[in-house]
């Protein structure tokens, strides 16, 4: 199950996938590898209107660093304050609205967002 990665790949603008993230084949595995290679402190990103603290950024970076790309076919347990979603928000300078079972979660990039990505999920699927 690569629904998280597939949703990201289909909703992120192609220019961003190739020019900013450096993808070449647009596969779920490659997306994860590219994000891992660009793992960094997400300074200025806001989650639910609050800027991430240094400790939170460090924990997110460690999470991404330790995530095994070979595990993606077995699903990904996307959290409500997800390190990869935060990183996408930061790298692409996009607002992300994530609706999780009747709860709306907003990720804002530093400054003005270039565009918005919208995702939804339930207890077992992300789209």
PDB file of N, CA and C in Angstrom:
ATOM      1  N   UNK A   1       0.844  -1.189   0.000  1.00  0.00           N
ATOM      2  CA  UNK A   1       0.000   0.000   0.000  1.00  0.00           C
ATOM      3  C   UNK A   1       0.882   1.243   0.000  1.00  0.00           C
ATOM      4  N   UNK A   2       0.840   1.948  -1.082  1.00  0.00           N
ATOM      5  CA  UNK A   2       1.629   3.174  -1.188  1.00  0.00           C
ATOM      6  C   UNK A   2       0.711   4.383  -1.368  1.00  0.00           C
ATOM      7  N   UNK A   3      -0.443   4.347  -0.733  1.00  0.00           N
ATOM      8  CA  UNK A   3      -1.445   5.384  -0.979  1.00  0.00           C
ATOM      9  C   UNK A   3      -0.965   6.783  -0.580  1.00  0.00           C
ATOM     10  N   UNK A   4      -0.194   6.916   0.480  1.00  0.00           N
ATOM     11  CA  UNK A   4       0.311   8.240   0.880  1.00  0.00           C
ATOM     12  C   UNK A   4       1.213   8.786  -0.219  1.00  0.00           C
ATOM     13  N   UNK A   5       2.144   7.958  -0.656  1.00  0.00           N
ATOM     14  CA  UNK A   5       3.112   8.394  -1.671  1.00  0.00           C
ATOM     15  C   UNK A   5       2.435   8.616  -3.012  1.00  0.00           C
ATOM     16  N   UNK A   6       1.450   7.782  -3.340  1.00  0.00           N
ATOM     17  CA  UNK A   6       0.723   7.941  -4.593  1.00  0.00           C
ATOM     18  C   UNK A   6      -0.093   9.228  -4.591  1.00  0.00           C
ATOM     19  N   UNK A   7      -0.721   9.543  -3.469  1.00  0.00           N
ATOM     20  CA  UNK A   7      -1.494  10.791  -3.377  1.00  0.00           C
ATOM     21  C   UNK A   7      -0.571  12.001  -3.522  1.00  0.00           C
ATOM     22  N   UNK A   8       0.571  11.956  -2.868  1.00  0.00           N
ATOM     23  CA  UNK A   8       1.530  13.054  -3.002  1.00  0.00           C
ATOM     24  C   UNK A   8       1.982  13.198  -4.456  1.00  0.00           C
ATOM     25  N   UNK A   9       2.336  12.095  -5.092  1.00  0.00           N
ATOM     26  CA  UNK A   9       2.832  12.138  -6.470  1.00  0.00           C
ATOM     27  C   UNK A   9       1.798  12.662  -7.443  1.00  0.00           C
ATOM     28  N   UNK A  10       0.532  12.348  -7.214  1.00  0.00           N
ATOM     29  CA  UNK A  10      -0.497  12.784  -8.159  1.00  0.00           C
ATOM     30  C   UNK A  10      -0.933  14.227  -7.939  1.00  0.00           C
ATOM     31  N   UNK A  11      -0.759  14.744  -6.734  1.00  0.00           N
ATOM     32  CA  UNK A  11      -1.229  16.105  -6.453  1.00  0.00           C
ATOM     33  C   UNK A  11      -0.140  17.169  -6.513  1.00  0.00           C
ATOM     34  N   UNK A  12       1.101  16.787  -6.306  1.00  0.00           N
ATOM     35  CA  UNK A  12       2.196  17.750  -6.432  1.00  0.00           C
ATOM     36  C   UNK A  12       2.375  18.068  -7.917  1.00  0.00           C
ATOM     37  N   UNK A  13       2.549  19.339  -8.229  1.00  0.00           N
ATOM     38  CA  UNK A  13       2.741  19.740  -9.624  1.00  0.00           C
ATOM     39  C   UNK A  13       3.982  19.067 -10.196  1.00  0.00           C
ATOM     40  N   UNK A  14       3.882  18.635 -11.461  1.00  0.00           N
ATOM     41  CA  UNK A  14       4.975  17.906 -12.101  1.00  0.00           C
ATOM     42  C   UNK A  14       6.295  18.671 -12.072  1.00  0.00           C
ATOM     43  N   UNK A  15       6.257  19.975 -12.331  1.00  0.00           N
ATOM     44  CA  UNK A  15       7.496  20.757 -12.293  1.00  0.00           C
ATOM     45  C   UNK A  15       8.171  20.645 -10.934  1.00  0.00           C
ATOM     46  N   UNK A  16       7.375  20.609  -9.873  1.00  0.00           N
ATOM     47  CA  UNK A  16       7.941  20.503  -8.522  1.00  0.00           C
ATOM     48  C   UNK A  16       8.537  19.116  -8.279  1.00  0.00           C
ATOM     49  N   UNK A  17       7.864  18.085  -8.788  1.00  0.00           N
ATOM     50  CA  UNK A  17       8.398  16.730  -8.636  1.00  0.00           C
ATOM     51  C   UNK A  17       9.769  16.607  -9.283  1.00  0.00           C
ATOM     52  N   UNK A  18       9.893  17.159 -10.475  1.00  0.00           N
ATOM     53  CA  UNK A  18      11.117  16.974 -11.241  1.00  0.00           C
ATOM     54  C   UNK A  18      12.182  18.030 -10.951  1.00  0.00           C
ATOM     55  N   UNK A  19      11.782  19.291 -10.859  1.00  0.00           N
ATOM     56  CA  UNK A  19      12.774  20.360 -10.693  1.00  0.00           C
ATOM     57  C   UNK A  19      13.183  20.586  -9.242  1.00  0.00           C
ATOM     58  N   UNK A  20      12.241  20.544  -8.324  1.00  0.00           N
ATOM     59  CA  UNK A  20      12.570  20.811  -6.925  1.00  0.00           C
ATOM     60  C   UNK A  20      12.988  19.530  -6.200  1.00  0.00           C
ATOM     61  N   UNK A  21      12.209  18.476  -6.376  1.00  0.00           N
ATOM     62  CA  UNK A  21      12.523  17.235  -5.676  1.00  0.00           C
ATOM     63  C   UNK A  21      13.562  16.389  -6.409  1.00  0.00           C
ATOM     64  N   UNK A  22      13.746  16.626  -7.703  1.00  0.00           N
ATOM     65  CA  UNK A  22      14.764  15.906  -8.460  1.00  0.00           C
ATOM     66  C   UNK A  22      14.359  14.516  -8.912  1.00  0.00           C
ATOM     67  N   UNK A  23      13.060  14.274  -9.010  1.00  0.00           N
ATOM     68  CA  UNK A  23      12.596  12.956  -9.452  1.00  0.00           C
ATOM     69  C   UNK A  23      12.843  12.780 -10.944  1.00  0.00           C
ATOM     70  N   UNK A  24      12.958  11.520 -11.356  1.00  0.00           N
ATOM     71  CA  UNK A  24      13.138  11.210 -12.768  1.00  0.00           C
ATOM     72  C   UNK A  24      12.082  10.249 -13.284  1.00  0.00           C
ATOM     73  N   UNK A  25      11.624   9.322 -12.442  1.00  0.00           N
ATOM     74  CA  UNK A  25      10.686   8.299 -12.912  1.00  0.00           C
ATOM     75  C   UNK A  25       9.289   8.420 -12.309  1.00  0.00           C
ATOM     76  N   UNK A  26       9.108   9.248 -11.313  1.00  0.00           N
ATOM     77  CA  UNK A  26       7.813   9.449 -10.659  1.00  0.00           C
ATOM     78  C   UNK A  26       7.243   8.164 -10.053  1.00  0.00           C
ATOM     79  N   UNK A  27       8.058   7.421  -9.341  1.00  0.00           N
ATOM     80  CA  UNK A  27       7.575   6.245  -8.612  1.00  0.00           C
ATOM     81  C   UNK A  27       7.479   6.583  -7.121  1.00  0.00           C
ATOM     82  N   UNK A  28       6.692   5.804  -6.406  1.00  0.00           N
ATOM     83  CA  UNK A  28       6.546   6.018  -4.966  1.00  0.00           C
ATOM     84  C   UNK A  28       7.898   5.888  -4.263  1.00  0.00           C
ATOM     85  N   UNK A  29       8.652   4.884  -4.619  1.00  0.00           N
ATOM     86  CA  UNK A  29       9.965   4.664  -4.022  1.00  0.00           C
ATOM     87  C   UNK A  29      10.896   5.853  -4.268  1.00  0.00           C
ATOM     88  N   UNK A  30      10.891   6.342  -5.497  1.00  0.00           N
ATOM     89  CA  UNK A  30      11.755   7.473  -5.825  1.00  0.00           C
ATOM     90  C   UNK A  30      11.337   8.724  -5.058  1.00  0.00           C
ATOM     91  N   UNK A  31      10.040   8.932  -4.880  1.00  0.00           N
ATOM     92  CA  UNK A  31       9.576  10.084  -4.111  1.00  0.00           C
ATOM     93  C   UNK A  31      10.138  10.038  -2.699  1.00  0.00           C
ATOM     94  N   UNK A  32      10.042   8.897  -2.051  1.00  0.00           N
ATOM     95  CA  UNK A  32      10.555   8.760  -0.688  1.00  0.00           C
ATOM     96  C   UNK A  32      12.063   8.990  -0.669  1.00  0.00           C
ATOM     97  N   UNK A  33      12.769   8.415  -1.620  1.00  0.00           N
ATOM     98  CA  UNK A  33      14.224   8.602  -1.683  1.00  0.00           C
ATOM     99  C   UNK A  33      14.590  10.075  -1.877  1.00  0.00           C
ATOM    100  N   UNK A  34      13.871  10.768  -2.748  1.00  0.00           N
ATOM    101  CA  UNK A  34      14.148  12.183  -2.990  1.00  0.00           C
ATOM    102  C   UNK A  34      13.859  13.019  -1.744  1.00  0.00           C
ATOM    103  N   UNK A  35      12.758  12.726  -1.065  1.00  0.00           N
ATOM    104  CA  UNK A  35      12.443  13.469   0.157  1.00  0.00           C
ATOM    105  C   UNK A  35      13.498  13.204   1.229  1.00  0.00           C
ATOM    106  N   UNK A  36      13.905  11.952   1.362  1.00  0.00           N
ATOM    107  CA  UNK A  36      14.945  11.625   2.341  1.00  0.00           C
ATOM    108  C   UNK A  36      16.242  12.370   2.026  1.00  0.00           C
ATOM    109  N   UNK A  37      16.562  12.508   0.742  1.00  0.00           N
ATOM    110  CA  UNK A  37      17.807  13.178   0.355  1.00  0.00           C
ATOM    111  C   UNK A  37      17.744  14.690   0.598  1.00  0.00           C
ATOM    112  N   UNK A  38      16.540  15.225   0.714  1.00  0.00           N
ATOM    113  CA  UNK A  38      16.366  16.662   0.954  1.00  0.00           C
ATOM    114  C   UNK A  38      15.920  16.964   2.382  1.00  0.00           C
ATOM    115  N   UNK A  39      16.022  15.985   3.246  1.00  0.00           N
ATOM    116  CA  UNK A  39      15.632  16.116   4.648  1.00  0.00           C
ATOM    117  C   UNK A  39      16.387  17.281   5.296  1.00  0.00           C
ATOM    118  N   UNK A  40      15.662  18.173   5.938  1.00  0.00           N
ATOM    119  CA  UNK A  40      16.290  19.351   6.547  1.00  0.00           C
ATOM    120  C   UNK A  40      15.360  19.925   7.616  1.00  0.00           C
ATOM    121  N   UNK A  41      15.877  20.892   8.351  1.00  0.00           N
ATOM    122  CA  UNK A  41      15.043  21.606   9.322  1.00  0.00           C
ATOM    123  C   UNK A  41      14.003  22.414   8.550  1.00  0.00           C
ATOM    124  N   UNK A  42      12.774  22.338   8.982  1.00  0.00           N
ATOM    125  CA  UNK A  42      11.663  22.986   8.273  1.00  0.00           C
ATOM    126  C   UNK A  42      11.310  24.302   8.959  1.00  0.00           C
ATOM    127  N   UNK A  43      12.270  25.194   8.970  1.00  0.00           N
ATOM    128  CA  UNK A  43      12.156  26.475   9.680  1.00  0.00           C
ATOM    129  C   UNK A  43      11.027  27.308   9.087  1.00  0.00           C
ATOM    130  N   UNK A  44      10.140  27.751   9.949  1.00  0.00           N
ATOM    131  CA  UNK A  44       9.046  28.620   9.531  1.00  0.00           C
ATOM    132  C   UNK A  44       7.754  27.915   9.182  1.00  0.00           C
ATOM    133  N   UNK A  45       7.763  26.580   9.096  1.00  0.00           N
ATOM    134  CA  UNK A  45       6.527  25.849   8.817  1.00  0.00           C
ATOM    135  C   UNK A  45       5.630  25.940  10.053  1.00  0.00           C
ATOM    136  N   UNK A  46       4.349  26.153   9.799  1.00  0.00           N
ATOM    137  CA  UNK A  46       3.365  26.186  10.884  1.00  0.00           C
ATOM    138  C   UNK A  46       2.431  24.992  10.754  1.00  0.00           C
ATOM    139  N   UNK A  47       2.154  24.377  11.876  1.00  0.00           N
ATOM    140  CA  UNK A  47       1.187  23.288  11.967  1.00  0.00           C
ATOM    141  C   UNK A  47       0.054  23.796  12.838  1.00  0.00           C
ATOM    142  N   UNK A  48      -1.148  23.832  12.275  1.00  0.00           N
ATOM    143  CA  UNK A  48      -2.312  24.363  12.982  1.00  0.00           C
ATOM    144  C   UNK A  48      -2.048  25.782  13.493  1.00  0.00           C
ATOM    145  N   UNK A  49      -1.322  26.574  12.694  1.00  0.00           N
ATOM    146  CA  UNK A  49      -1.092  27.981  13.022  1.00  0.00           C
ATOM    147  C   UNK A  49       0.065  28.248  13.964  1.00  0.00           C
ATOM    148  N   UNK A  50       0.761  27.204  14.397  1.00  0.00           N
ATOM    149  CA  UNK A  50       1.858  27.361  15.356  1.00  0.00           C
ATOM    150  C   UNK A  50       3.162  26.896  14.703  1.00  0.00           C
ATOM    151  N   UNK A  51       4.188  27.740  14.763  1.00  0.00           N
ATOM    152  CA  UNK A  51       5.486  27.386  14.200  1.00  0.00           C
ATOM    153  C   UNK A  51       6.079  26.197  14.946  1.00  0.00           C
ATOM    154  N   UNK A  52       6.705  25.304  14.200  1.00  0.00           N
ATOM    155  CA  UNK A  52       7.344  24.143  14.814  1.00  0.00           C
ATOM    156  C   UNK A  52       8.522  24.591  15.677  1.00  0.00           C
ATOM    157  N   UNK A  53       8.680  23.910  16.784  1.00  0.00           N
ATOM    158  CA  UNK A  53       9.802  24.185  17.686  1.00  0.00           C
ATOM    159  C   UNK A  53      11.048  23.455  17.181  1.00  0.00           C
ATOM    160  N   UNK A  54      12.206  23.903  17.604  1.00  0.00           N
ATOM    161  CA  UNK A  54      13.471  23.284  17.189  1.00  0.00           C
ATOM    162  C   UNK A  54      13.477  21.781  17.489  1.00  0.00           C
ATOM    163  N   UNK A  55      13.029  21.402  18.661  1.00  0.00           N
ATOM    164  CA  UNK A  55      13.007  19.984  19.059  1.00  0.00           C
ATOM    165  C   UNK A  55      12.107  19.181  18.116  1.00  0.00           C
ATOM    166  N   UNK A  56      10.963  19.735  17.749  1.00  0.00           N
ATOM    167  CA  UNK A  56      10.054  19.044  16.829  1.00  0.00           C
ATOM    168  C   UNK A  56      10.711  18.856  15.461  1.00  0.00           C
ATOM    169  N   UNK A  57      11.410  19.896  14.987  1.00  0.00           N
ATOM    170  CA  UNK A  57      12.099  19.784  13.704  1.00  0.00           C
ATOM    171  C   UNK A  57      13.188  18.713  13.768  1.00  0.00           C
ATOM    172  N   UNK A  58      13.918  18.667  14.864  1.00  0.00           N
ATOM    173  CA  UNK A  58      14.972  17.655  15.026  1.00  0.00           C
ATOM    174  C   UNK A  58      14.382  16.248  15.035  1.00  0.00           C
ATOM    175  N   UNK A  59      13.269  16.068  15.737  1.00  0.00           N
ATOM    176  CA  UNK A  59      12.614  14.761  15.795  1.00  0.00           C
ATOM    177  C   UNK A  59      12.085  14.352  14.415  1.00  0.00           C
ATOM    178  N   UNK A  60      11.537  15.315  13.673  1.00  0.00           N
ATOM    179  CA  UNK A  60      11.034  15.031  12.328  1.00  0.00           C
ATOM    180  C   UNK A  60      12.172  14.608  11.404  1.00  0.00           C
ATOM    181  N   UNK A  61      13.296  15.320  11.489  1.00  0.00           N
ATOM    182  CA  UNK A  61      14.440  14.973  10.657  1.00  0.00           C
ATOM    183  C   UNK A  61      14.949  13.569  10.985  1.00  0.00           C
ATOM    184  N   UNK A  62      14.999  13.247  12.245  1.00  0.00           N
ATOM    185  CA  UNK A  62      15.455  11.921  12.679  1.00  0.00           C
ATOM    186  C   UNK A  62      14.487  10.845  12.177  1.00  0.00           C
ATOM    187  N   UNK A  63      13.193  11.116  12.249  1.00  0.00           N
ATOM    188  CA  UNK A  63      12.184  10.167  11.782  1.00  0.00           C
ATOM    189  C   UNK A  63      12.394   9.849  10.299  1.00  0.00           C
ATOM    190  N   UNK A  64      12.556  10.897   9.492  1.00  0.00           N
ATOM    191  CA  UNK A  64      12.752  10.711   8.051  1.00  0.00           C
ATOM    192  C   UNK A  64      14.066   9.985   7.781  1.00  0.00           C
ATOM    193  N   UNK A  65      15.106  10.377   8.485  1.00  0.00           N
ATOM    194  CA  UNK A  65      16.414   9.734   8.329  1.00  0.00           C
ATOM    195  C   UNK A  65      16.327   8.234   8.602  1.00  0.00           C
ATOM    196  N   UNK A  66      15.580   7.844   9.615  1.00  0.00           N
ATOM    197  CA  UNK A  66      15.488   6.438  10.018  1.00  0.00           C
ATOM    198  C   UNK A  66      14.423   5.640   9.263  1.00  0.00           C
ATOM    199  N   UNK A  67      13.566   6.315   8.517  1.00  0.00           N
ATOM    200  CA  UNK A  67      12.511   5.621   7.778  1.00  0.00           C
ATOM    201  C   UNK A  67      13.127   4.760   6.678  1.00  0.00           C
ATOM    202  N   UNK A  68      12.740   3.512   6.633  1.00  0.00           N
ATOM    203  CA  UNK A  68      13.267   2.560   5.656  1.00  0.00           C
ATOM    204  C   UNK A  68      12.450   2.615   4.372  1.00  0.00           C
ATOM    205  N   UNK A  69      13.074   3.078   3.304  1.00  0.00           N
ATOM    206  CA  UNK A  69      12.381   3.198   2.021  1.00  0.00           C
ATOM    207  C   UNK A  69      11.864   1.847   1.534  1.00  0.00           C
ATOM    208  N   UNK A  70      12.494   0.768   1.958  1.00  0.00           N
ATOM    209  CA  UNK A  70      12.058  -0.570   1.541  1.00  0.00           C
ATOM    210  C   UNK A  70      10.743  -1.002   2.195  1.00  0.00           C
ATOM    211  N   UNK A  71      10.271  -0.233   3.163  1.00  0.00           N
ATOM    212  CA  UNK A  71       9.035  -0.597   3.860  1.00  0.00           C
ATOM    213  C   UNK A  71       7.788   0.016   3.236  1.00  0.00           C
ATOM    214  N   UNK A  72       7.935   0.829   2.216  1.00  0.00           N
ATOM    215  CA  UNK A  72       6.778   1.606   1.729  1.00  0.00           C
ATOM    216  C   UNK A  72       5.657   0.750   1.155  1.00  0.00           C
ATOM    217  N   UNK A  73       5.971  -0.421   0.625  1.00  0.00           N
ATOM    218  CA  UNK A  73       4.928  -1.280   0.059  1.00  0.00           C
ATOM    219  C   UNK A  73       4.027  -1.872   1.139  1.00  0.00           C
ATOM    220  N   UNK A  74       4.438  -1.777   2.389  1.00  0.00           N
ATOM    221  CA  UNK A  74       3.664  -2.332   3.504  1.00  0.00           C
ATOM    222  C   UNK A  74       2.816  -1.262   4.190  1.00  0.00           C
ATOM    223  N   UNK A  75       2.701  -0.104   3.557  1.00  0.00           N
ATOM    224  CA  UNK A  75       1.911   0.980   4.110  1.00  0.00           C
ATOM    225  C   UNK A  75       2.761   1.967   4.884  1.00  0.00           C
ATOM    226  N   UNK A  76       2.178   3.107   5.138  1.00  0.00           N
ATOM    227  CA  UNK A  76       2.850   4.158   5.893  1.00  0.00           C
ATOM    228  C   UNK A  76       1.845   4.728   6.874  1.00  0.00           C
ATOM    229  N   UNK A  77       2.194   4.773   8.118  1.00  0.00           N
ATOM    230  CA  UNK A  77       1.304   5.258   9.170  1.00  0.00           C
ATOM    231  C   UNK A  77       1.445   6.775   9.276  1.00  0.00           C
ATOM    232  N   UNK A  78       0.752   7.477   8.406  1.00  0.00           N
ATOM    233  CA  UNK A  78       0.807   8.937   8.355  1.00  0.00           C
ATOM    234  C   UNK A  78       0.215   9.517   9.636  1.00  0.00           C
ATOM    235  N   UNK A  79       0.967  10.382  10.289  1.00  0.00           N
ATOM    236  CA  UNK A  79       0.486  10.956  11.544  1.00  0.00           C
ATOM    237  C   UNK A  79      -0.258  12.266  11.291  1.00  0.00           C
ATOM    238  N   UNK A  80      -0.877  12.790  12.320  1.00  0.00           N
ATOM    239  CA  UNK A  80      -1.612  14.048  12.182  1.00  0.00           C
ATOM    240  C   UNK A  80      -0.683  15.258  12.150  1.00  0.00           C
ATOM    241  N   UNK A  81       0.563  15.063  12.510  1.00  0.00           N
ATOM    242  CA  UNK A  81       1.602  16.088  12.362  1.00  0.00           C
ATOM    243  C   UNK A  81       2.803  15.362  11.748  1.00  0.00           C
ATOM    244  N   UNK A  82       2.648  15.033  10.464  1.00  0.00           N
ATOM    245  CA  UNK A  82       3.554  14.089   9.822  1.00  0.00           C
ATOM    246  C   UNK A  82       4.850  14.726   9.313  1.00  0.00           C
ATOM    247  N   UNK A  83       5.994  14.121   9.636  1.00  0.00           N
ATOM    248  CA  UNK A  83       7.287  14.661   9.198  1.00  0.00           C
ATOM    249  C   UNK A  83       7.421  14.822   7.684  1.00  0.00           C
ATOM    250  N   UNK A  84       6.936  13.850   6.908  1.00  0.00           N
ATOM    251  CA  UNK A  84       7.040  13.966   5.455  1.00  0.00           C
ATOM    252  C   UNK A  84       6.122  15.061   4.907  1.00  0.00           C
ATOM    253  N   UNK A  85       4.920  15.174   5.448  1.00  0.00           N
ATOM    254  CA  UNK A  85       3.997  16.217   4.995  1.00  0.00           C
ATOM    255  C   UNK A  85       4.590  17.590   5.319  1.00  0.00           C
ATOM    256  N   UNK A  86       5.176  17.712   6.489  1.00  0.00           N
ATOM    257  CA  UNK A  86       5.833  18.960   6.882  1.00  0.00           C
ATOM    258  C   UNK A  86       6.975  19.271   5.917  1.00  0.00           C
ATOM    259  N   UNK A  87       7.773  18.272   5.579  1.00  0.00           N
ATOM    260  CA  UNK A  87       8.895  18.480   4.669  1.00  0.00           C
ATOM    261  C   UNK A  87       8.419  18.899   3.282  1.00  0.00           C
ATOM    262  N   UNK A  88       7.366  18.274   2.780  1.00  0.00           N
ATOM    263  CA  UNK A  88       6.803  18.660   1.477  1.00  0.00           C
ATOM    264  C   UNK A  88       6.337  20.112   1.526  1.00  0.00           C
ATOM    265  N   UNK A  89       5.647  20.476   2.581  1.00  0.00           N
ATOM    266  CA  UNK A  89       5.181  21.849   2.773  1.00  0.00           C
ATOM    267  C   UNK A  89       6.354  22.823   2.674  1.00  0.00           C
ATOM    268  N   UNK A  90       7.432  22.496   3.343  1.00  0.00           N
ATOM    269  CA  UNK A  90       8.610  23.362   3.380  1.00  0.00           C
ATOM    270  C   UNK A  90       9.346  23.414   2.037  1.00  0.00           C
ATOM    271  N   UNK A  91       9.656  22.253   1.492  1.00  0.00           N
ATOM    272  CA  UNK A  91      10.452  22.199   0.263  1.00  0.00           C
ATOM    273  C   UNK A  91       9.737  22.828  -0.927  1.00  0.00           C
ATOM    274  N   UNK A  92       8.431  22.583  -1.026  1.00  0.00           N
ATOM    275  CA  UNK A  92       7.676  23.080  -2.179  1.00  0.00           C
ATOM    276  C   UNK A  92       7.007  24.418  -1.919  1.00  0.00           C
ATOM    277  N   UNK A  93       7.071  24.868  -0.679  1.00  0.00           N
ATOM    278  CA  UNK A  93       6.460  26.132  -0.285  1.00  0.00           C
ATOM    279  C   UNK A  93       4.956  26.118  -0.617  1.00  0.00           C
ATOM    280  N   UNK A  94       4.287  25.039  -0.158  1.00  0.00           N
ATOM    281  CA  UNK A  94       2.859  24.862  -0.410  1.00  0.00           C
ATOM    282  C   UNK A  94       2.096  24.713   0.899  1.00  0.00           C
ATOM    283  N   UNK A  95       0.871  25.188   0.877  1.00  0.00           N
ATOM    284  CA  UNK A  95      -0.048  24.960   1.997  1.00  0.00           C
ATOM    285  C   UNK A  95      -0.623  23.562   1.822  1.00  0.00           C
ATOM    286  N   UNK A  96      -0.761  22.833   2.908  1.00  0.00           N
ATOM    287  CA  UNK A  96      -1.341  21.496   2.841  1.00  0.00           C
ATOM    288  C   UNK A  96      -2.505  21.416   3.816  1.00  0.00           C
ATOM    289  N   UNK A  97      -3.651  21.046   3.288  1.00  0.00           N
ATOM    290  CA  UNK A  97      -4.843  20.824   4.102  1.00  0.00           C
ATOM    291  C   UNK A  97      -5.101  19.328   4.116  1.00  0.00           C
ATOM    292  N   UNK A  98      -5.090  18.761   5.304  1.00  0.00           N
ATOM    293  CA  UNK A  98      -5.238  17.319   5.482  1.00  0.00           C
ATOM    294  C   UNK A  98      -6.485  17.081   6.332  1.00  0.00           C
ATOM    295  N   UNK A  99      -7.485  16.500   5.729  1.00  0.00           N
ATOM    296  CA  UNK A  99      -8.713  16.194   6.462  1.00  0.00           C
ATOM    297  C   UNK A  99      -8.659  14.740   6.908  1.00  0.00           C
ATOM    298  N   UNK A 100      -8.567  14.562   8.213  1.00  0.00           N
ATOM    299  CA  UNK A 100      -8.476  13.224   8.787  1.00  0.00           C
ATOM    300  C   UNK A 100      -9.721  12.956   9.629  1.00  0.00           C
ATOM    301  N   UNK A 101     -10.606  12.121   9.127  1.00  0.00           N
ATOM    302  CA  UNK A 101     -11.818  11.715   9.831  1.00  0.00           C
ATOM    303  C   UNK A 101     -12.477  12.907  10.542  1.00  0.00           C
ATOM    304  N   UNK A 102     -12.946  13.854   9.774  1.00  0.00           N
ATOM    305  CA  UNK A 102     -13.668  15.037  10.260  1.00  0.00           C
ATOM    306  C   UNK A 102     -12.816  16.045  11.030  1.00  0.00           C
ATOM    307  N   UNK A 103     -11.512  15.911  10.991  1.00  0.00           N
ATOM    308  CA  UNK A 103     -10.615  16.888  11.596  1.00  0.00           C
ATOM    309  C   UNK A 103      -9.742  17.479  10.491  1.00  0.00           C
ATOM    310  N   UNK A 104      -9.699  18.796  10.414  1.00  0.00           N
ATOM    311  CA  UNK A 104      -8.887  19.448   9.400  1.00  0.00           C
ATOM    312  C   UNK A 104      -7.570  19.910  10.009  1.00  0.00           C
ATOM    313  N   UNK A 105      -6.497  19.501   9.370  1.00  0.00           N
ATOM    314  CA  UNK A 105      -5.144  19.823   9.824  1.00  0.00           C
ATOM    315  C   UNK A 105      -4.495  20.682   8.741  1.00  0.00           C
ATOM    316  N   UNK A 106      -3.940  21.814   9.148  1.00  0.00           N
ATOM    317  CA  UNK A 106      -3.350  22.761   8.198  1.00  0.00           C
ATOM    318  C   UNK A 106      -1.847  22.867   8.425  1.00  0.00           C
ATOM    319  N   UNK A 107      -1.097  22.721   7.344  1.00  0.00           N
ATOM    320  CA  UNK A 107       0.349  22.936   7.328  1.00  0.00           C
ATOM    321  C   UNK A 107       0.596  24.164   6.451  1.00  0.00           C
ATOM    322  N   UNK A 108       1.240  25.178   7.008  1.00  0.00           N
ATOM    323  CA  UNK A 108       1.536  26.396   6.254  1.00  0.00           C
ATOM    324  C   UNK A 108       3.041  26.562   6.090  1.00  0.00           C
ATOM    325  N   UNK A 109       3.476  26.908   4.869  1.00  0.00           N
ATOM    326  CA  UNK A 109       4.906  27.143   4.661  1.00  0.00           C
ATOM    327  C   UNK A 109       5.287  28.527   5.179  1.00  0.00           C
ATOM    328  N   UNK A 110       6.581  28.789   5.302  1.00  0.00           N
ATOM    329  CA  UNK A 110       6.986  30.154   5.649  1.00  0.00           C
ATOM    330  C   UNK A 110       6.577  31.101   4.517  1.00  0.00           C
ATOM    331  N   UNK A 111       6.058  32.237   4.850  1.00  0.00           N
ATOM    332  CA  UNK A 111       5.650  33.195   3.813  1.00  0.00           C
ATOM    333  C   UNK A 111       4.361  32.784   3.129  1.00  0.00           C
ATOM    334  N   UNK A 112       4.211  33.239   1.902  1.00  0.00           N
ATOM    335  CA  UNK A 112       2.991  32.978   1.128  1.00  0.00           C
ATOM    336  C   UNK A 112       3.149  31.683   0.342  1.00  0.00           C
ATOM    337  N   UNK A 113       2.132  30.833   0.429  1.00  0.00           N
ATOM    338  CA  UNK A 113       2.152  29.545  -0.264  1.00  0.00           C
ATOM    339  C   UNK A 113       2.042  29.743  -1.770  1.00  0.00           C
ATOM    340  N   UNK A 114       2.742  28.907  -2.526  1.00  0.00           N
ATOM    341  CA  UNK A 114       2.671  28.941  -3.984  1.00  0.00           C
ATOM    342  C   UNK A 114       1.365  28.339  -4.491  1.00  0.00           C
ATOM    343  N   UNK A 115       0.886  27.300  -3.825  1.00  0.00           N
ATOM    344  CA  UNK A 115      -0.398  26.672  -4.124  1.00  0.00           C
ATOM    345  C   UNK A 115      -0.772  25.786  -2.944  1.00  0.00           C
ATOM    346  N   UNK A 116      -1.915  25.126  -3.042  1.00  0.00           N
ATOM    347  CA  UNK A 116      -2.396  24.301  -1.929  1.00  0.00           C
ATOM    348  C   UNK A 116      -2.585  22.860  -2.383  1.00  0.00           C
ATOM    349  N   UNK A 117      -2.195  21.947  -1.516  1.00  0.00           N
ATOM    350  CA  UNK A 117      -2.461  20.522  -1.711  1.00  0.00           C
ATOM    351  C   UNK A 117      -3.514  20.115  -0.691  1.00  0.00           C
ATOM    352  N   UNK A 118      -4.496  19.321  -1.132  1.00  0.00           N
ATOM    353  CA  UNK A 118      -5.558  18.852  -0.234  1.00  0.00           C
ATOM    354  C   UNK A 118      -5.567  17.329  -0.215  1.00  0.00           C
ATOM    355  N   UNK A 119      -5.566  16.802   1.002  1.00  0.00           N
ATOM    356  CA  UNK A 119      -5.586  15.351   1.188  1.00  0.00           C
ATOM    357  C   UNK A 119      -6.654  14.990   2.201  1.00  0.00           C
ATOM    358  N   UNK A 120      -7.115  13.754   2.100  1.00  0.00           N
ATOM    359  CA  UNK A 120      -8.049  13.206   3.092  1.00  0.00           C
ATOM    360  C   UNK A 120      -7.607  11.794   3.418  1.00  0.00           C
ATOM    361  N   UNK A 121      -7.982  11.355   4.598  1.00  0.00           N
ATOM    362  CA  UNK A 121      -7.786   9.950   4.900  1.00  0.00           C
ATOM    363  C   UNK A 121      -8.727   9.490   5.992  1.00  0.00           C
ATOM    364  N   UNK A 122      -8.887   8.165   6.019  1.00  0.00           N
ATOM    365  CA  UNK A 122      -9.650   7.529   7.082  1.00  0.00           C
ATOM    366  C   UNK A 122      -8.682   6.629   7.836  1.00  0.00           C
ATOM    367  N   UNK A 123      -9.170   5.673   8.553  1.00  0.00           N
ATOM    368  CA  UNK A 123      -8.307   4.827   9.367  1.00  0.00           C
ATOM    369  C   UNK A 123      -7.402   3.909   8.532  1.00  0.00           C
ATOM    370  N   UNK A 124      -7.663   3.779   7.230  1.00  0.00           N
ATOM    371  CA  UNK A 124      -6.877   2.841   6.455  1.00  0.00           C
ATOM    372  C   UNK A 124      -6.407   3.308   5.088  1.00  0.00           C
ATOM    373  N   UNK A 125      -6.840   4.471   4.656  1.00  0.00           N
ATOM    374  CA  UNK A 125      -6.489   4.897   3.317  1.00  0.00           C
ATOM    375  C   UNK A 125      -6.260   6.408   3.273  1.00  0.00           C
ATOM    376  N   UNK A 126      -5.377   6.854   2.388  1.00  0.00           N
ATOM    377  CA  UNK A 126      -4.998   8.269   2.226  1.00  0.00           C
ATOM    378  C   UNK A 126      -5.163   8.619   0.748  1.00  0.00           C
ATOM    379  N   UNK A 127      -5.850   9.722   0.480  1.00  0.00           N
ATOM    380  CA  UNK A 127      -6.043  10.142  -0.909  1.00  0.00           C
ATOM    381  C   UNK A 127      -5.995  11.650  -1.041  1.00  0.00           C
TER     382      UNK A 127
END
